Amino acid sequence: MSDARIQSKICGLSTPDAVRAALDGGAAYIGLNFFPASPRYVTVDAAVRLAAPARGRARIVAVLVDPSDALLDEVARDLKPDFIQLHGPETPSRALEAGRRTGAAVIKAMPISDSADVARAQTYEDAVDHLMFDTKPPKDAVLPGGTGARFDWTLLAGRRFARPWFLAGGLDPWNVGEAISASGAPIVDVSSGVERGPGLKDPALITAFLDAVRRS
């Protein structure tokens, strides 16, 4: 796991080469996406294979959007993730239930467009282990994240939360240093910003991202 002051999560991994680049670069978290509409979607069986080399080296995160109990049970049983990342409209009570049901720590992604959205995150602090601040998608969007769009990072500057938090949304190797400086983020999350096409992770971009975080 990364010893860097700022930690990184590489999300939406779907190939062994991408996983290897994330681990070799010192990512503290790897994310595996179980939302069928996403170009980064993987089956539970595929995720188990992809996660195998990460055990003991990075925390394994299962990314789910409004998951059913059956999917939570399957992911918990077969993948045994360190974290469940909830990226849909889950309420605080549902987030708490998901953590209890799976035995995993819970990350709740919060869609952000203004300061009121940031303040709303406080309603989840007693129900989850980590918060994630991501760009609020358009109302007609199919995907809740991974769109490559960014929000005003300064909305988070100087904020204090009861839980550790991730900054996501529009990050890439060229702007992540600026994002860290503007927001004060302790952990950064990237998905589309290290891809050469939708869902196609580029190991060289993963390496470049992690190097940029290390220099921040």
Protein backbone atom coordinates (compact mmCIF):
# COMPACT_ATOMS: atom_id res chain seq x y z
CA MET A 1 0.00 0.00 0.00
CA SER A 2 1.06 3.53 -0.71
CA ASP A 3 3.20 5.36 1.81
CA ALA A 4 2.60 8.68 0.04
CA ARG A 5 1.16 11.58 1.97
CA ILE A 6 -1.75 11.70 -0.47
CA GLN A 7 -3.27 8.31 -1.28
CA SER A 8 -4.74 7.28 -4.61
CA LYS A 9 -7.54 5.04 -5.83
CA ILE A 10 -7.57 3.75 -9.39
CA CYS A 11 -11.17 2.89 -10.17
CA GLY A 12 -12.90 0.87 -12.85
CA LEU A 13 -10.08 -1.59 -13.44
CA SER A 14 -10.90 -4.41 -15.84
CA THR A 15 -7.60 -5.89 -17.09
CA PRO A 16 -4.61 -7.51 -15.38
CA ASP A 17 -2.24 -4.98 -16.96
CA ALA A 18 -4.17 -2.07 -15.48
CA VAL A 19 -4.24 -3.70 -12.05
CA ARG A 20 -0.50 -4.31 -12.28
CA ALA A 21 0.18 -0.67 -13.15
CA ALA A 22 -1.94 0.50 -10.21
CA LEU A 23 -0.16 -1.79 -7.77
CA ASP A 24 3.33 -1.12 -9.10
CA GLY A 25 2.65 2.62 -8.93
CA GLY A 26 1.64 2.45 -5.29
CA ALA A 27 -2.12 2.90 -5.43
CA ALA A 28 -3.65 2.47 -1.99
CA TYR A 29 -7.06 1.41 -3.38
CA ILE A 30 -8.26 -0.37 -6.51
CA GLY A 31 -11.89 -0.16 -7.62
CA LEU A 32 -13.90 -2.83 -9.43
CA ASN A 33 -17.18 -1.71 -10.99
CA PHE A 34 -20.34 -3.81 -10.79
CA PHE A 35 -22.74 -1.37 -12.49
CA PRO A 36 -23.87 -3.05 -15.76
CA ALA A 37 -24.41 0.23 -17.63
CA SER A 38 -20.78 1.27 -17.12
CA PRO A 39 -18.10 0.58 -19.75
CA ARG A 40 -15.95 -0.47 -16.77
CA TYR A 41 -18.36 -3.18 -15.65
CA VAL A 42 -16.90 -6.52 -14.59
CA THR A 43 -18.60 -9.68 -13.37
CA VAL A 44 -18.02 -10.88 -9.85
CA ASP A 45 -15.98 -13.83 -11.16
CA ALA A 46 -13.76 -11.51 -13.21
CA ALA A 47 -13.33 -9.19 -10.24
CA VAL A 48 -12.16 -12.06 -8.05
CA ARG A 49 -9.41 -12.85 -10.56
CA LEU A 50 -8.42 -9.21 -11.00
CA ALA A 51 -8.27 -8.58 -7.26
CA ALA A 52 -6.12 -11.60 -6.41
CA PRO A 53 -2.72 -9.86 -6.84
CA ALA A 54 -3.93 -6.82 -4.88
CA ARG A 55 -4.61 -8.59 -1.60
CA GLY A 56 -2.22 -7.29 1.00
CA ARG A 57 -0.95 -4.59 -1.37
CA ALA A 58 -3.99 -2.35 -1.84
CA ARG A 59 -7.50 -2.12 -0.48
CA ILE A 60 -10.08 -3.72 -2.75
CA VAL A 61 -13.18 -1.61 -3.40
CA ALA A 62 -16.42 -2.95 -4.90
CA VAL A 63 -18.24 -0.11 -6.68
CA LEU A 64 -22.02 -0.56 -6.61
CA VAL A 65 -25.01 1.55 -7.62
CA ASP A 66 -28.14 1.02 -5.51
CA PRO A 67 -27.30 -2.68 -5.11
CA SER A 68 -29.79 -5.37 -4.20
CA ASP A 69 -29.25 -7.49 -1.12
CA ALA A 70 -28.49 -10.42 -3.43
CA LEU A 71 -25.68 -8.55 -5.19
CA LEU A 72 -24.26 -7.34 -1.88
CA ASP A 73 -24.26 -10.92 -0.61
CA GLU A 74 -22.59 -12.27 -3.76
CA VAL A 75 -19.87 -9.62 -3.79
CA ALA A 76 -19.19 -10.07 -0.08
CA ARG A 77 -19.04 -13.85 -0.33
CA ASP A 78 -16.93 -14.18 -3.48
CA LEU A 79 -14.81 -11.03 -3.67
CA LYS A 80 -14.47 -10.28 0.05
CA PRO A 81 -13.78 -6.58 -0.58
CA ASP A 82 -12.25 -4.28 1.97
CA PHE A 83 -14.71 -1.55 0.99
CA ILE A 84 -18.14 -1.25 -0.60
CA GLN A 85 -18.47 2.02 -2.55
CA LEU A 86 -22.07 3.11 -2.91
CA HIS A 87 -22.46 5.37 -5.92
CA GLY A 88 -26.23 5.69 -6.21
CA PRO A 89 -29.13 7.26 -4.29
CA GLU A 90 -28.55 5.13 -1.18
CA THR A 91 -29.80 6.69 2.06
CA PRO A 92 -27.71 6.79 5.24
CA SER A 93 -29.73 3.89 6.65
CA ARG A 94 -29.17 1.81 3.51
CA ALA A 95 -25.45 2.59 3.62
CA LEU A 96 -25.31 1.44 7.23
CA GLU A 97 -27.22 -1.72 6.33
CA ALA A 98 -24.88 -2.46 3.41
CA GLY A 99 -21.88 -2.28 5.70
CA ARG A 100 -23.46 -4.56 8.27
CA ARG A 101 -24.61 -7.01 5.62
CA THR A 102 -21.23 -7.32 3.89
CA GLY A 103 -18.83 -6.79 6.78
CA ALA A 104 -16.95 -4.32 4.58
CA ALA A 105 -16.21 -0.68 5.28
CA VAL A 106 -18.43 1.71 3.30
CA ILE A 107 -17.53 4.62 1.02
CA LYS A 108 -20.48 6.83 0.05
CA ALA A 109 -20.10 8.86 -3.13
CA MET A 110 -21.73 12.28 -2.90
CA PRO A 111 -22.64 14.13 -6.13
CA ILE A 112 -21.43 17.74 -5.87
CA SER A 113 -22.30 20.90 -7.75
CA ASP A 114 -22.49 23.51 -4.96
CA SER A 115 -21.82 24.06 -1.26
CA ALA A 116 -25.24 22.71 -0.27
CA ASP A 117 -24.27 19.35 -1.75
CA VAL A 118 -21.08 19.37 0.32
CA ALA A 119 -23.03 20.16 3.49
CA ARG A 120 -25.41 17.28 2.77
CA ALA A 121 -22.51 14.85 3.17
CA GLN A 122 -22.62 15.42 6.90
CA THR A 123 -25.88 13.47 7.08
CA TYR A 124 -23.90 10.35 6.11
CA GLU A 125 -20.99 10.70 8.51
CA ASP A 126 -22.49 8.42 11.18
CA ALA A 127 -23.41 5.76 8.61
CA VAL A 128 -20.22 5.31 6.56
CA ASP A 129 -16.47 4.97 6.95
CA HIS A 130 -15.38 7.27 4.12
CA LEU A 131 -16.97 9.95 1.97
CA MET A 132 -16.29 10.57 -1.71
CA PHE A 133 -16.99 13.88 -3.44
CA ASP A 134 -17.70 13.43 -7.16
CA THR A 135 -19.13 15.64 -9.87
CA LYS A 136 -22.94 15.71 -9.97
CA PRO A 137 -23.99 14.23 -13.32
CA PRO A 138 -26.64 15.80 -15.56
CA LYS A 139 -30.21 14.77 -14.74
CA ASP A 140 -30.47 12.59 -17.85
CA ALA A 141 -27.08 10.89 -17.34
CA VAL A 142 -26.89 7.10 -17.48
CA LEU A 143 -23.79 6.92 -15.30
CA PRO A 144 -23.55 8.36 -11.77
CA GLY A 145 -19.79 8.87 -12.11
CA GLY A 146 -16.81 8.24 -14.34
CA THR A 147 -17.91 10.97 -16.73
CA GLY A 148 -14.66 12.93 -16.74
CA ALA A 149 -16.42 16.12 -15.60
CA ARG A 150 -15.07 18.18 -12.72
CA PHE A 151 -16.66 20.43 -10.11
CA ASP A 152 -15.30 23.44 -8.21
CA TRP A 153 -12.64 21.83 -6.05
CA THR A 154 -12.40 24.92 -3.83
CA LEU A 155 -15.83 24.02 -2.39
CA LEU A 156 -13.93 21.54 -0.22
CA ALA A 157 -11.08 23.84 0.81
CA GLY A 158 -10.78 24.15 4.57
CA ARG A 159 -13.69 21.80 5.23
CA ARG A 160 -13.47 19.30 8.06
CA PHE A 161 -15.34 16.03 8.01
CA ALA A 162 -15.78 13.30 10.61
CA ARG A 163 -14.67 10.70 8.05
CA PRO A 164 -11.72 10.45 5.67
CA TRP A 165 -12.68 11.55 2.17
CA PHE A 166 -11.86 11.05 -1.48
CA LEU A 167 -11.85 13.66 -4.24
CA ALA A 168 -13.15 12.35 -7.58
CA GLY A 169 -14.51 13.77 -10.80
CA GLY A 170 -12.48 14.87 -13.79
CA LEU A 171 -9.05 14.12 -12.34
CA ASP A 172 -6.15 13.19 -14.63
CA PRO A 173 -2.32 13.16 -14.54
CA TRP A 174 -2.18 16.82 -15.59
CA ASN A 175 -4.61 18.38 -13.12
CA VAL A 176 -4.45 16.18 -10.02
CA GLY A 177 -1.75 18.31 -8.41
CA GLU A 178 -3.90 21.41 -8.84
CA ALA A 179 -6.92 19.51 -7.52
CA ILE A 180 -5.09 18.44 -4.36
CA SER A 181 -3.85 21.97 -3.77
CA ALA A 182 -7.28 23.55 -4.32
CA SER A 183 -9.30 21.06 -2.26
CA GLY A 184 -6.94 19.75 0.41
CA ALA A 185 -7.97 16.21 -0.50
CA PRO A 186 -6.26 13.43 1.49
CA ILE A 187 -7.23 10.76 -1.07
CA VAL A 188 -7.83 11.10 -4.81
CA ASP A 189 -9.83 8.83 -7.12
CA VAL A 190 -9.45 8.51 -10.89
CA SER A 191 -11.21 6.45 -13.53
CA SER A 192 -11.82 7.99 -16.97
CA GLY A 193 -8.81 10.30 -16.55
CA VAL A 194 -6.43 7.35 -17.05
CA GLU A 195 -8.21 5.86 -20.06
CA ARG A 196 -7.50 5.98 -23.80
CA GLY A 197 -11.20 5.30 -24.50
CA PRO A 198 -14.33 4.51 -22.47
CA GLY A 199 -13.40 1.73 -20.06
CA LEU A 200 -9.95 1.21 -21.62
CA LYS A 201 -7.41 1.87 -18.90
CA ASP A 202 -3.95 2.91 -20.11
CA PRO A 203 -1.18 1.57 -17.83
CA ALA A 204 1.10 4.47 -18.82
CA LEU A 205 -1.54 7.00 -17.76
CA ILE A 206 -2.09 5.15 -14.49
CA THR A 207 1.64 5.37 -13.81
CA ALA A 208 1.69 9.06 -14.74
CA PHE A 209 -1.25 9.80 -12.43
CA LEU A 210 0.32 8.06 -9.47
CA ASP A 211 3.63 9.82 -10.12
CA ALA A 212 1.85 13.18 -10.21
CA VAL A 213 0.14 12.47 -6.88
CA ARG A 214 3.46 11.48 -5.36
CA ARG A 215 4.94 14.82 -6.41
CA SER A 216 2.05 16.78 -4.89
